[in-house]
Amino acid sequence: MIGWLQKSDIMNYLIISKIAQIVLGVLITVLVLIQSKNAGLTQGLKGSFGAYRSLRGVEKLILYTTIALGVLLVINSFILMLLS
């Protein structure tokens, strides 16, 4: 028993945290694959002249979403560690 939580509550939170861990891992994997700059057939047509440019629009949203999900994954990992 952790504080005011009963054993059945801990088991429910543990199951929810494990499912959340899997979902977060899959979402982060998908977002990282979307961000891959070397993927796609059009990359070869653009040439190899890579210039730095700032992220805008959807790219920026995907980056910030990936960072937020990564933070949630770490927090959920600590929660799983405490509940186990």
C-alpha atoms as a PDB file:
ATOM      1  CA  MET A   1       0.000   0.000   0.000  1.00  0.00           C
ATOM      2  CA  ILE A   2       1.423   3.383  -1.032  1.00  0.00           C
ATOM      3  CA  GLY A   3      -0.096   6.080   1.176  1.00  0.00           C
ATOM      4  CA  TRP A   4      -3.843   6.135   0.773  1.00  0.00           C
ATOM      5  CA  LEU A   5      -3.925   3.798  -2.248  1.00  0.00           C
ATOM      6  CA  GLN A   6      -5.208   0.273  -1.855  1.00  0.00           C
ATOM      7  CA  LYS A   7      -3.668  -2.701  -3.628  1.00  0.00           C
ATOM      8  CA  SER A   8      -6.471  -2.894  -6.222  1.00  0.00           C
ATOM      9  CA  ASP A   9      -6.026   0.805  -7.035  1.00  0.00           C
ATOM     10  CA  ILE A  10      -2.291   0.304  -7.507  1.00  0.00           C
ATOM     11  CA  MET A  11      -2.907  -2.617  -9.875  1.00  0.00           C
ATOM     12  CA  ASN A  12      -5.349  -0.515 -11.927  1.00  0.00           C
ATOM     13  CA  TYR A  13      -2.859   2.362 -12.170  1.00  0.00           C
ATOM     14  CA  LEU A  14      -0.114  -0.101 -13.078  1.00  0.00           C
ATOM     15  CA  ILE A  15      -2.148  -1.544 -15.965  1.00  0.00           C
ATOM     16  CA  ILE A  16      -3.086   1.927 -17.212  1.00  0.00           C
ATOM     17  CA  SER A  17       0.552   3.071 -16.994  1.00  0.00           C
ATOM     18  CA  LYS A  18       1.787   0.024 -18.920  1.00  0.00           C
ATOM     19  CA  ILE A  19      -0.739   0.631 -21.698  1.00  0.00           C
ATOM     20  CA  ALA A  20       0.183   4.333 -21.765  1.00  0.00           C
ATOM     21  CA  GLN A  21       3.867   3.388 -22.014  1.00  0.00           C
ATOM     22  CA  ILE A  22       3.205   1.270 -25.102  1.00  0.00           C
ATOM     23  CA  VAL A  23       1.034   3.947 -26.735  1.00  0.00           C
ATOM     24  CA  LEU A  24       3.574   6.698 -26.024  1.00  0.00           C
ATOM     25  CA  GLY A  25       6.406   4.568 -27.412  1.00  0.00           C
ATOM     26  CA  VAL A  26       4.516   3.856 -30.630  1.00  0.00           C
ATOM     27  CA  LEU A  27       3.522   7.520 -31.069  1.00  0.00           C
ATOM     28  CA  ILE A  28       7.097   8.726 -30.539  1.00  0.00           C
ATOM     29  CA  THR A  29       8.379   6.160 -33.032  1.00  0.00           C
ATOM     30  CA  VAL A  30       5.866   7.294 -35.653  1.00  0.00           C
ATOM     31  CA  LEU A  31       6.660  10.974 -35.099  1.00  0.00           C
ATOM     32  CA  VAL A  32      10.414  10.390 -35.327  1.00  0.00           C
ATOM     33  CA  LEU A  33       9.952   8.471 -38.586  1.00  0.00           C
ATOM     34  CA  ILE A  34       7.843  11.335 -39.960  1.00  0.00           C
ATOM     35  CA  GLN A  35      10.622  13.788 -39.096  1.00  0.00           C
ATOM     36  CA  SER A  36      13.259  11.795 -40.943  1.00  0.00           C
ATOM     37  CA  LYS A  37      14.803  14.201 -43.435  1.00  0.00           C
ATOM     38  CA  ASN A  38      16.345  11.524 -45.636  1.00  0.00           C
ATOM     39  CA  ALA A  39      13.125   9.637 -46.264  1.00  0.00           C
ATOM     40  CA  GLY A  40      10.946   9.908 -49.322  1.00  0.00           C
ATOM     41  CA  LEU A  41      11.420   9.761 -53.052  1.00  0.00           C
ATOM     42  CA  THR A  42      11.437  13.514 -53.589  1.00  0.00           C
ATOM     43  CA  GLN A  43      14.599  13.936 -51.528  1.00  0.00           C
ATOM     44  CA  GLY A  44      16.733  12.699 -54.414  1.00  0.00           C
ATOM     45  CA  LEU A  45      15.124  15.160 -56.813  1.00  0.00           C
ATOM     46  CA  LYS A  46      15.922  18.135 -54.594  1.00  0.00           C
ATOM     47  CA  GLY A  47      19.626  17.497 -54.751  1.00  0.00           C
ATOM     48  CA  SER A  48      22.120  17.366 -51.946  1.00  0.00           C
ATOM     49  CA  PHE A  49      22.225  21.087 -51.278  1.00  0.00           C
ATOM     50  CA  GLY A  50      21.137  21.074 -47.655  1.00  0.00           C
ATOM     51  CA  ALA A  51      20.671  24.493 -46.153  1.00  0.00           C
ATOM     52  CA  TYR A  52      19.586  25.289 -42.632  1.00  0.00           C
ATOM     53  CA  ARG A  53      16.071  26.623 -42.368  1.00  0.00           C
ATOM     54  CA  SER A  54      13.783  27.220 -39.462  1.00  0.00           C
ATOM     55  CA  LEU A  55      10.937  24.860 -38.739  1.00  0.00           C
ATOM     56  CA  ARG A  56       7.506  26.208 -39.568  1.00  0.00           C
ATOM     57  CA  GLY A  57       3.957  25.040 -39.391  1.00  0.00           C
ATOM     58  CA  VAL A  58       3.448  21.308 -39.242  1.00  0.00           C
ATOM     59  CA  GLU A  59       7.153  20.519 -38.835  1.00  0.00           C
ATOM     60  CA  LYS A  60       7.311  22.683 -35.723  1.00  0.00           C
ATOM     61  CA  LEU A  61       4.143  21.095 -34.343  1.00  0.00           C
ATOM     62  CA  ILE A  62       5.535  17.594 -34.910  1.00  0.00           C
ATOM     63  CA  LEU A  63       8.808  18.523 -33.198  1.00  0.00           C
ATOM     64  CA  TYR A  64       7.097  19.987 -30.125  1.00  0.00           C
ATOM     65  CA  THR A  65       4.681  17.055 -29.953  1.00  0.00           C
ATOM     66  CA  THR A  66       7.611  14.621 -30.046  1.00  0.00           C
ATOM     67  CA  ILE A  67       9.336  16.485 -27.223  1.00  0.00           C
ATOM     68  CA  ALA A  68       6.163  16.564 -25.114  1.00  0.00           C
ATOM     69  CA  LEU A  69       5.524  12.852 -25.651  1.00  0.00           C
ATOM     70  CA  GLY A  70       9.136  12.101 -24.720  1.00  0.00           C
ATOM     71  CA  VAL A  71       8.730  13.983 -21.441  1.00  0.00           C
ATOM     72  CA  LEU A  72       5.475  12.116 -20.764  1.00  0.00           C
ATOM     73  CA  LEU A  73       7.242   8.823 -21.500  1.00  0.00           C
ATOM     74  CA  VAL A  74       9.948   9.580 -18.924  1.00  0.00           C
ATOM     75  CA  ILE A  75       7.382  10.658 -16.314  1.00  0.00           C
ATOM     76  CA  ASN A  76       5.338   7.520 -16.973  1.00  0.00           C
ATOM     77  CA  SER A  77       8.495   5.417 -16.603  1.00  0.00           C
ATOM     78  CA  PHE A  78       9.067   6.869 -13.128  1.00  0.00           C
ATOM     79  CA  ILE A  79       5.427   6.213 -12.224  1.00  0.00           C
ATOM     80  CA  LEU A  80       5.798   2.597 -13.358  1.00  0.00           C
ATOM     81  CA  MET A  81       8.963   2.279 -11.310  1.00  0.00           C
ATOM     82  CA  LEU A  82       7.191   3.571  -8.203  1.00  0.00           C
ATOM     83  CA  LEU A  83       4.150   1.351  -8.656  1.00  0.00           C
ATOM     84  CA  SER A  84       6.125  -1.839  -9.341  1.00  0.00           C
END
